[in-house]
Amino acid sequence: DPFPKLPDEPEQKMSEALPYLKAPPQLEGWVGNKGFDPLSVTDALPVYLTREAELKHGRVCMLATVGWIATDLGVRFPGEMFQSVSTLQ
């Protein structure tokens, strides 16, 4: 064989969430780890910070959804300026 054989690299675990990507090693040991970090954010930021941000953004989205539904059901703040508010405008 004219080409020298390179030493085998250790097999890296593949992500359960995205089987075509390698699982990020820094997520190992965290609760709920499925290897989902397609943008490799945890390479630059600590995992605890990204999990905290995910929780915060999820809660804000849930509140926004409740506000949207409440507005569609006719819930309004007191005062004349809020009575014509609509999510369809």
PDB file of N, CA and C in Angstrom:
ATOM      1  N   ASP A   1       0.844  -1.179   0.000  1.00  0.00           N
ATOM      2  CA  ASP A   1       0.000   0.000   0.000  1.00  0.00           C
ATOM      3  C   ASP A   1       0.892   1.246   0.000  1.00  0.00           C
ATOM      4  N   PRO A   2       0.742   2.133  -0.990  1.00  0.00           N
ATOM      5  CA  PRO A   2       1.629   3.305  -1.083  1.00  0.00           C
ATOM      6  C   PRO A   2       1.334   4.375  -0.022  1.00  0.00           C
ATOM      7  N   PHE A   3       0.149   4.345   0.564  1.00  0.00           N
ATOM      8  CA  PHE A   3      -0.210   5.361   1.546  1.00  0.00           C
ATOM      9  C   PHE A   3      -0.080   4.796   2.955  1.00  0.00           C
ATOM     10  N   PRO A   4       0.646   5.502   3.814  1.00  0.00           N
ATOM     11  CA  PRO A   4       0.766   4.992   5.190  1.00  0.00           C
ATOM     12  C   PRO A   4      -0.568   5.102   5.912  1.00  0.00           C
ATOM     13  N   LYS A   5      -0.836   4.135   6.714  1.00  0.00           N
ATOM     14  CA  LYS A   5      -2.100   4.122   7.457  1.00  0.00           C
ATOM     15  C   LYS A   5      -1.966   5.028   8.683  1.00  0.00           C
ATOM     16  N   LEU A   6      -2.923   5.903   8.843  1.00  0.00           N
ATOM     17  CA  LEU A   6      -2.939   6.803   9.992  1.00  0.00           C
ATOM     18  C   LEU A   6      -3.484   6.068  11.205  1.00  0.00           C
ATOM     19  N   PRO A   7      -3.037   6.449  12.385  1.00  0.00           N
ATOM     20  CA  PRO A   7      -3.593   5.789  13.575  1.00  0.00           C
ATOM     21  C   PRO A   7      -5.082   6.084  13.696  1.00  0.00           C
ATOM     22  N   ASP A   8      -5.820   5.108  14.140  1.00  0.00           N
ATOM     23  CA  ASP A   8      -7.264   5.285  14.293  1.00  0.00           C
ATOM     24  C   ASP A   8      -7.556   6.291  15.387  1.00  0.00           C
ATOM     25  N   GLU A   9      -8.483   7.205  15.077  1.00  0.00           N
ATOM     26  CA  GLU A   9      -8.930   8.166  16.084  1.00  0.00           C
ATOM     27  C   GLU A   9      -9.948   7.478  16.972  1.00  0.00           C
ATOM     28  N   PRO A  10     -10.000   7.856  18.237  1.00  0.00           N
ATOM     29  CA  PRO A  10     -11.023   7.261  19.093  1.00  0.00           C
ATOM     30  C   PRO A  10     -12.414   7.599  18.564  1.00  0.00           C
ATOM     31  N   GLU A  11     -13.265   6.634  18.593  1.00  0.00           N
ATOM     32  CA  GLU A  11     -14.637   6.805  18.088  1.00  0.00           C
ATOM     33  C   GLU A  11     -15.386   7.789  18.984  1.00  0.00           C
ATOM     34  N   GLN A  12     -15.881   8.879  18.367  1.00  0.00           N
ATOM     35  CA  GLN A  12     -16.663   9.843  19.143  1.00  0.00           C
ATOM     36  C   GLN A  12     -18.139   9.485  19.035  1.00  0.00           C
ATOM     37  N   LYS A  13     -18.844   9.607  20.148  1.00  0.00           N
ATOM     38  CA  LYS A  13     -20.258   9.275  20.209  1.00  0.00           C
ATOM     39  C   LYS A  13     -21.058  10.238  19.329  1.00  0.00           C
ATOM     40  N   MET A  14     -22.038   9.685  18.619  1.00  0.00           N
ATOM     41  CA  MET A  14     -22.894  10.508  17.767  1.00  0.00           C
ATOM     42  C   MET A  14     -24.094  11.002  18.576  1.00  0.00           C
ATOM     43  N   SER A  15     -24.617  12.149  18.187  1.00  0.00           N
ATOM     44  CA  SER A  15     -25.751  12.759  18.865  1.00  0.00           C
ATOM     45  C   SER A  15     -27.012  11.915  18.690  1.00  0.00           C
ATOM     46  N   GLU A  16     -27.794  11.779  19.757  1.00  0.00           N
ATOM     47  CA  GLU A  16     -29.079  11.070  19.648  1.00  0.00           C
ATOM     48  C   GLU A  16     -30.100  11.927  18.907  1.00  0.00           C
ATOM     49  N   ALA A  17     -30.045  13.241  19.120  1.00  0.00           N
ATOM     50  CA  ALA A  17     -31.009  14.146  18.498  1.00  0.00           C
ATOM     51  C   ALA A  17     -30.737  14.330  17.008  1.00  0.00           C
ATOM     52  N   LEU A  18     -29.474  14.457  16.657  1.00  0.00           N
ATOM     53  CA  LEU A  18     -29.065  14.648  15.266  1.00  0.00           C
ATOM     54  C   LEU A  18     -27.985  13.619  14.945  1.00  0.00           C
ATOM     55  N   PRO A  19     -28.384  12.424  14.506  1.00  0.00           N
ATOM     56  CA  PRO A  19     -27.430  11.318  14.352  1.00  0.00           C
ATOM     57  C   PRO A  19     -26.296  11.560  13.364  1.00  0.00           C
ATOM     58  N   TYR A  20     -26.394  12.578  12.535  1.00  0.00           N
ATOM     59  CA  TYR A  20     -25.338  12.867  11.572  1.00  0.00           C
ATOM     60  C   TYR A  20     -24.283  13.821  12.145  1.00  0.00           C
ATOM     61  N   LEU A  21     -24.485  14.298  13.395  1.00  0.00           N
ATOM     62  CA  LEU A  21     -23.507  15.153  14.061  1.00  0.00           C
ATOM     63  C   LEU A  21     -22.897  14.432  15.258  1.00  0.00           C
ATOM     64  N   LYS A  22     -21.694  14.828  15.608  1.00  0.00           N
ATOM     65  CA  LYS A  22     -21.047  14.256  16.792  1.00  0.00           C
ATOM     66  C   LYS A  22     -21.613  14.901  18.045  1.00  0.00           C
ATOM     67  N   ALA A  23     -21.769  14.108  19.090  1.00  0.00           N
ATOM     68  CA  ALA A  23     -22.314  14.605  20.363  1.00  0.00           C
ATOM     69  C   ALA A  23     -21.272  15.495  21.044  1.00  0.00           C
ATOM     70  N   PRO A  24     -21.682  16.667  21.512  1.00  0.00           N
ATOM     71  CA  PRO A  24     -20.741  17.544  22.203  1.00  0.00           C
ATOM     72  C   PRO A  24     -20.314  16.933  23.541  1.00  0.00           C
ATOM     73  N   PRO A  25     -19.030  16.769  23.790  1.00  0.00           N
ATOM     74  CA  PRO A  25     -18.581  16.129  25.030  1.00  0.00           C
ATOM     75  C   PRO A  25     -18.904  16.944  26.276  1.00  0.00           C
ATOM     76  N   GLN A  26     -19.017  18.268  26.157  1.00  0.00           N
ATOM     77  CA  GLN A  26     -19.302  19.097  27.328  1.00  0.00           C
ATOM     78  C   GLN A  26     -20.730  18.934  27.841  1.00  0.00           C
ATOM     79  N   LEU A  27     -21.611  18.317  27.069  1.00  0.00           N
ATOM     80  CA  LEU A  27     -22.986  18.077  27.530  1.00  0.00           C
ATOM     81  C   LEU A  27     -23.114  16.773  28.307  1.00  0.00           C
ATOM     82  N   GLU A  28     -22.073  15.982  28.301  1.00  0.00           N
ATOM     83  CA  GLU A  28     -22.102  14.680  28.984  1.00  0.00           C
ATOM     84  C   GLU A  28     -22.344  14.865  30.480  1.00  0.00           C
ATOM     85  N   GLY A  29     -23.317  14.124  31.013  1.00  0.00           N
ATOM     86  CA  GLY A  29     -23.619  14.172  32.438  1.00  0.00           C
ATOM     87  C   GLY A  29     -24.735  15.124  32.812  1.00  0.00           C
ATOM     88  N   TRP A  30     -25.198  15.959  31.886  1.00  0.00           N
ATOM     89  CA  TRP A  30     -26.298  16.883  32.181  1.00  0.00           C
ATOM     90  C   TRP A  30     -27.627  16.147  32.017  1.00  0.00           C
ATOM     91  N   VAL A  31     -28.584  16.464  32.862  1.00  0.00           N
ATOM     92  CA  VAL A  31     -29.908  15.837  32.806  1.00  0.00           C
ATOM     93  C   VAL A  31     -30.580  16.195  31.480  1.00  0.00           C
ATOM     94  N   GLY A  32     -31.155  15.206  30.828  1.00  0.00           N
ATOM     95  CA  GLY A  32     -31.862  15.433  29.572  1.00  0.00           C
ATOM     96  C   GLY A  32     -30.961  15.568  28.362  1.00  0.00           C
ATOM     97  N   ASN A  33     -29.707  15.204  28.482  1.00  0.00           N
ATOM     98  CA  ASN A  33     -28.775  15.340  27.367  1.00  0.00           C
ATOM     99  C   ASN A  33     -29.129  14.368  26.244  1.00  0.00           C
ATOM    100  N   LYS A  34     -29.419  14.924  25.080  1.00  0.00           N
ATOM    101  CA  LYS A  34     -29.636  14.131  23.874  1.00  0.00           C
ATOM    102  C   LYS A  34     -28.636  14.514  22.785  1.00  0.00           C
ATOM    103  N   GLY A  35     -27.631  15.300  23.171  1.00  0.00           N
ATOM    104  CA  GLY A  35     -26.603  15.685  22.212  1.00  0.00           C
ATOM    105  C   GLY A  35     -27.040  16.749  21.237  1.00  0.00           C
ATOM    106  N   PHE A  36     -27.999  17.596  21.618  1.00  0.00           N
ATOM    107  CA  PHE A  36     -28.500  18.624  20.696  1.00  0.00           C
ATOM    108  C   PHE A  36     -27.759  19.932  20.933  1.00  0.00           C
ATOM    109  N   ASP A  37     -26.839  20.246  20.067  1.00  0.00           N
ATOM    110  CA  ASP A  37     -26.129  21.520  20.042  1.00  0.00           C
ATOM    111  C   ASP A  37     -25.601  21.720  18.626  1.00  0.00           C
ATOM    112  N   PRO A  38     -26.511  21.902  17.641  1.00  0.00           N
ATOM    113  CA  PRO A  38     -26.088  21.940  16.239  1.00  0.00           C
ATOM    114  C   PRO A  38     -25.198  23.139  15.899  1.00  0.00           C
ATOM    115  N   LEU A  39     -25.284  24.227  16.659  1.00  0.00           N
ATOM    116  CA  LEU A  39     -24.458  25.400  16.369  1.00  0.00           C
ATOM    117  C   LEU A  39     -23.191  25.447  17.215  1.00  0.00           C
ATOM    118  N   SER A  40     -22.973  24.432  18.035  1.00  0.00           N
ATOM    119  CA  SER A  40     -21.801  24.338  18.918  1.00  0.00           C
ATOM    120  C   SER A  40     -21.677  25.549  19.844  1.00  0.00           C
ATOM    121  N   VAL A  41     -22.805  26.011  20.361  1.00  0.00           N
ATOM    122  CA  VAL A  41     -22.818  27.147  21.274  1.00  0.00           C
ATOM    123  C   VAL A  41     -22.055  26.828  22.548  1.00  0.00           C
ATOM    124  N   THR A  42     -22.138  25.588  23.009  1.00  0.00           N
ATOM    125  CA  THR A  42     -21.475  25.220  24.263  1.00  0.00           C
ATOM    126  C   THR A  42     -19.954  25.120  24.116  1.00  0.00           C
ATOM    127  N   ASP A  43     -19.435  25.270  22.901  1.00  0.00           N
ATOM    128  CA  ASP A  43     -17.983  25.374  22.741  1.00  0.00           C
ATOM    129  C   ASP A  43     -17.499  26.738  23.236  1.00  0.00           C
ATOM    130  N   ALA A  44     -18.352  27.760  23.103  1.00  0.00           N
ATOM    131  CA  ALA A  44     -17.972  29.128  23.464  1.00  0.00           C
ATOM    132  C   ALA A  44     -18.537  29.575  24.804  1.00  0.00           C
ATOM    133  N   LEU A  45     -19.674  29.018  25.204  1.00  0.00           N
ATOM    134  CA  LEU A  45     -20.342  29.445  26.437  1.00  0.00           C
ATOM    135  C   LEU A  45     -20.481  28.277  27.400  1.00  0.00           C
ATOM    136  N   PRO A  46     -20.484  28.556  28.699  1.00  0.00           N
ATOM    137  CA  PRO A  46     -20.681  27.476  29.668  1.00  0.00           C
ATOM    138  C   PRO A  46     -22.084  26.870  29.537  1.00  0.00           C
ATOM    139  N   VAL A  47     -22.189  25.578  29.766  1.00  0.00           N
ATOM    140  CA  VAL A  47     -23.459  24.869  29.605  1.00  0.00           C
ATOM    141  C   VAL A  47     -24.518  25.421  30.561  1.00  0.00           C
ATOM    142  N   TYR A  48     -24.128  25.729  31.805  1.00  0.00           N
ATOM    143  CA  TYR A  48     -25.128  26.225  32.758  1.00  0.00           C
ATOM    144  C   TYR A  48     -25.739  27.537  32.275  1.00  0.00           C
ATOM    145  N   LEU A  49     -24.955  28.387  31.591  1.00  0.00           N
ATOM    146  CA  LEU A  49     -25.466  29.661  31.088  1.00  0.00           C
ATOM    147  C   LEU A  49     -26.458  29.442  29.941  1.00  0.00           C
ATOM    148  N   THR A  50     -26.149  28.516  29.044  1.00  0.00           N
ATOM    149  CA  THR A  50     -27.051  28.262  27.920  1.00  0.00           C
ATOM    150  C   THR A  50     -28.356  27.615  28.389  1.00  0.00           C
ATOM    151  N   ARG A  51     -28.290  26.754  29.402  1.00  0.00           N
ATOM    152  CA  ARG A  51     -29.512  26.135  29.930  1.00  0.00           C
ATOM    153  C   ARG A  51     -30.380  27.172  30.638  1.00  0.00           C
ATOM    154  N   GLU A  52     -29.738  28.087  31.365  1.00  0.00           N
ATOM    155  CA  GLU A  52     -30.468  29.148  32.047  1.00  0.00           C
ATOM    156  C   GLU A  52     -31.162  30.056  31.030  1.00  0.00           C
ATOM    157  N   ALA A  53     -30.456  30.404  29.962  1.00  0.00           N
ATOM    158  CA  ALA A  53     -31.031  31.252  28.915  1.00  0.00           C
ATOM    159  C   ALA A  53     -32.194  30.544  28.216  1.00  0.00           C
ATOM    160  N   GLU A  54     -32.068  29.248  27.996  1.00  0.00           N
ATOM    161  CA  GLU A  54     -33.144  28.485  27.356  1.00  0.00           C
ATOM    162  C   GLU A  54     -34.412  28.494  28.217  1.00  0.00           C
ATOM    163  N   LEU A  55     -34.251  28.310  29.522  1.00  0.00           N
ATOM    164  CA  LEU A  55     -35.405  28.358  30.426  1.00  0.00           C
ATOM    165  C   LEU A  55     -36.056  29.732  30.417  1.00  0.00           C
ATOM    166  N   LYS A  56     -35.234  30.779  30.487  1.00  0.00           N
ATOM    167  CA  LYS A  56     -35.759  32.144  30.505  1.00  0.00           C
ATOM    168  C   LYS A  56     -36.547  32.436  29.226  1.00  0.00           C
ATOM    169  N   HIS A  57     -35.973  32.113  28.079  1.00  0.00           N
ATOM    170  CA  HIS A  57     -36.644  32.400  26.812  1.00  0.00           C
ATOM    171  C   HIS A  57     -37.911  31.565  26.651  1.00  0.00           C
ATOM    172  N   GLY A  58     -37.887  30.343  27.122  1.00  0.00           N
ATOM    173  CA  GLY A  58     -39.083  29.512  27.061  1.00  0.00           C
ATOM    174  C   GLY A  58     -40.222  30.090  27.890  1.00  0.00           C
ATOM    175  N   ARG A  59     -39.895  30.595  29.081  1.00  0.00           N
ATOM    176  CA  ARG A  59     -40.926  31.185  29.952  1.00  0.00           C
ATOM    177  C   ARG A  59     -41.480  32.462  29.355  1.00  0.00           C
ATOM    178  N   VAL A  60     -40.629  33.285  28.755  1.00  0.00           N
ATOM    179  CA  VAL A  60     -41.099  34.513  28.099  1.00  0.00           C
ATOM    180  C   VAL A  60     -42.035  34.161  26.940  1.00  0.00           C
ATOM    181  N   CYS A  61     -41.692  33.129  26.176  1.00  0.00           N
ATOM    182  CA  CYS A  61     -42.546  32.709  25.059  1.00  0.00           C
ATOM    183  C   CYS A  61     -43.902  32.205  25.541  1.00  0.00           C
ATOM    184  N   MET A  62     -43.906  31.472  26.670  1.00  0.00           N
ATOM    185  CA  MET A  62     -45.179  30.992  27.209  1.00  0.00           C
ATOM    186  C   MET A  62     -46.057  32.161  27.653  1.00  0.00           C
ATOM    187  N   LEU A  63     -45.469  33.163  28.303  1.00  0.00           N
ATOM    188  CA  LEU A  63     -46.240  34.344  28.712  1.00  0.00           C
ATOM    189  C   LEU A  63     -46.768  35.107  27.505  1.00  0.00           C
ATOM    190  N   ALA A  64     -45.956  35.237  26.469  1.00  0.00           N
ATOM    191  CA  ALA A  64     -46.393  35.930  25.259  1.00  0.00           C
ATOM    192  C   ALA A  64     -47.560  35.202  24.604  1.00  0.00           C
ATOM    193  N   THR A  65     -47.524  33.876  24.604  1.00  0.00           N
ATOM    194  CA  THR A  65     -48.617  33.091  24.029  1.00  0.00           C
ATOM    195  C   THR A  65     -49.906  33.285  24.824  1.00  0.00           C
ATOM    196  N   VAL A  66     -49.796  33.277  26.141  1.00  0.00           N
ATOM    197  CA  VAL A  66     -50.975  33.507  26.988  1.00  0.00           C
ATOM    198  C   VAL A  66     -51.538  34.902  26.734  1.00  0.00           C
ATOM    199  N   GLY A  67     -50.671  35.909  26.592  1.00  0.00           N
ATOM    200  CA  GLY A  67     -51.126  37.271  26.303  1.00  0.00           C
ATOM    201  C   GLY A  67     -51.833  37.376  24.966  1.00  0.00           C
ATOM    202  N   TRP A  68     -51.311  36.691  23.968  1.00  0.00           N
ATOM    203  CA  TRP A  68     -51.927  36.712  22.641  1.00  0.00           C
ATOM    204  C   TRP A  68     -53.320  36.076  22.695  1.00  0.00           C
ATOM    205  N   ILE A  69     -53.417  34.921  23.338  1.00  0.00           N
ATOM    206  CA  ILE A  69     -54.710  34.232  23.447  1.00  0.00           C
ATOM    207  C   ILE A  69     -55.700  35.065  24.255  1.00  0.00           C
ATOM    208  N   ALA A  70     -55.234  35.651  25.363  1.00  0.00           N
ATOM    209  CA  ALA A  70     -56.120  36.475  26.190  1.00  0.00           C
ATOM    210  C   ALA A  70     -56.651  37.667  25.403  1.00  0.00           C
ATOM    211  N   THR A  71     -55.813  38.299  24.597  1.00  0.00           N
ATOM    212  CA  THR A  71     -56.257  39.435  23.777  1.00  0.00           C
ATOM    213  C   THR A  71     -57.307  38.988  22.768  1.00  0.00           C
ATOM    214  N   ASP A  72     -57.103  37.831  22.151  1.00  0.00           N
ATOM    215  CA  ASP A  72     -58.094  37.315  21.196  1.00  0.00           C
ATOM    216  C   ASP A  72     -59.415  36.980  21.870  1.00  0.00           C
ATOM    217  N   LEU A  73     -59.369  36.592  23.153  1.00  0.00           N
ATOM    218  CA  LEU A  73     -60.595  36.265  23.883  1.00  0.00           C
ATOM    219  C   LEU A  73     -61.297  37.506  24.431  1.00  0.00           C
ATOM    220  N   GLY A  74     -60.695  38.687  24.254  1.00  0.00           N
ATOM    221  CA  GLY A  74     -61.352  39.918  24.658  1.00  0.00           C
ATOM    222  C   GLY A  74     -60.852  40.518  25.961  1.00  0.00           C
ATOM    223  N   VAL A  75     -59.834  39.969  26.560  1.00  0.00           N
ATOM    224  CA  VAL A  75     -59.296  40.528  27.805  1.00  0.00           C
ATOM    225  C   VAL A  75     -58.554  41.812  27.471  1.00  0.00           C
ATOM    226  N   ARG A  76     -58.881  42.903  28.179  1.00  0.00           N
ATOM    227  CA  ARG A  76     -58.243  44.199  27.956  1.00  0.00           C
ATOM    228  C   ARG A  76     -57.865  44.834  29.289  1.00  0.00           C
ATOM    229  N   PHE A  77     -56.812  45.651  29.272  1.00  0.00           N
ATOM    230  CA  PHE A  77     -56.486  46.462  30.437  1.00  0.00           C
ATOM    231  C   PHE A  77     -57.534  47.559  30.568  1.00  0.00           C
ATOM    232  N   PRO A  78     -57.770  48.033  31.786  1.00  0.00           N
ATOM    233  CA  PRO A  78     -58.709  49.145  31.925  1.00  0.00           C
ATOM    234  C   PRO A  78     -58.151  50.401  31.249  1.00  0.00           C
ATOM    235  N   GLY A  79     -59.025  51.202  30.747  1.00  0.00           N
ATOM    236  CA  GLY A  79     -58.612  52.444  30.087  1.00  0.00           C
ATOM    237  C   GLY A  79     -59.022  52.453  28.633  1.00  0.00           C
ATOM    238  N   GLU A  80     -59.360  53.641  28.147  1.00  0.00           N
ATOM    239  CA  GLU A  80     -59.873  53.798  26.788  1.00  0.00           C
ATOM    240  C   GLU A  80     -58.849  53.392  25.726  1.00  0.00           C
ATOM    241  N   MET A  81     -57.590  53.682  25.971  1.00  0.00           N
ATOM    242  CA  MET A  81     -56.571  53.417  24.941  1.00  0.00           C
ATOM    243  C   MET A  81     -56.340  51.927  24.682  1.00  0.00           C
ATOM    244  N   PHE A  82     -56.722  51.070  25.614  1.00  0.00           N
ATOM    245  CA  PHE A  82     -56.498  49.635  25.448  1.00  0.00           C
ATOM    246  C   PHE A  82     -57.716  48.893  24.886  1.00  0.00           C
ATOM    247  N   GLN A  83     -58.834  49.555  24.739  1.00  0.00           N
ATOM    248  CA  GLN A  83     -60.050  48.869  24.344  1.00  0.00           C
ATOM    249  C   GLN A  83     -60.073  48.489  22.863  1.00  0.00           C
ATOM    250  N   SER A  84     -59.320  49.155  22.039  1.00  0.00           N
ATOM    251  CA  SER A  84     -59.333  48.840  20.601  1.00  0.00           C
ATOM    252  C   SER A  84     -58.140  47.965  20.184  1.00  0.00           C
ATOM    253  N   VAL A  85     -57.429  47.404  21.133  1.00  0.00           N
ATOM    254  CA  VAL A  85     -56.271  46.566  20.826  1.00  0.00           C
ATOM    255  C   VAL A  85     -56.731  45.249  20.211  1.00  0.00           C
ATOM    256  N   SER A  86     -56.039  44.822  19.159  1.00  0.00           N
ATOM    257  CA  SER A  86     -56.367  43.563  18.503  1.00  0.00           C
ATOM    258  C   SER A  86     -55.069  42.903  18.024  1.00  0.00           C
ATOM    259  N   THR A  87     -55.047  41.588  18.006  1.00  0.00           N
ATOM    260  CA  THR A  87     -53.868  40.893  17.484  1.00  0.00           C
ATOM    261  C   THR A  87     -53.923  40.789  15.961  1.00  0.00           C
ATOM    262  N   LEU A  88     -55.028  41.168  15.356  1.00  0.00           N
ATOM    263  CA  LEU A  88     -55.191  41.040  13.914  1.00  0.00           C
ATOM    264  C   LEU A  88     -54.792  42.312  13.155  1.00  0.00           C
ATOM    265  N   GLN A  89     -54.523  43.396  13.845  1.00  0.00           N
ATOM    266  CA  GLN A  89     -54.169  44.654  13.164  1.00  0.00           C
ATOM    267  C   GLN A  89     -52.752  44.649  12.698  1.00  0.00           C
TER     268      GLN A  89
END
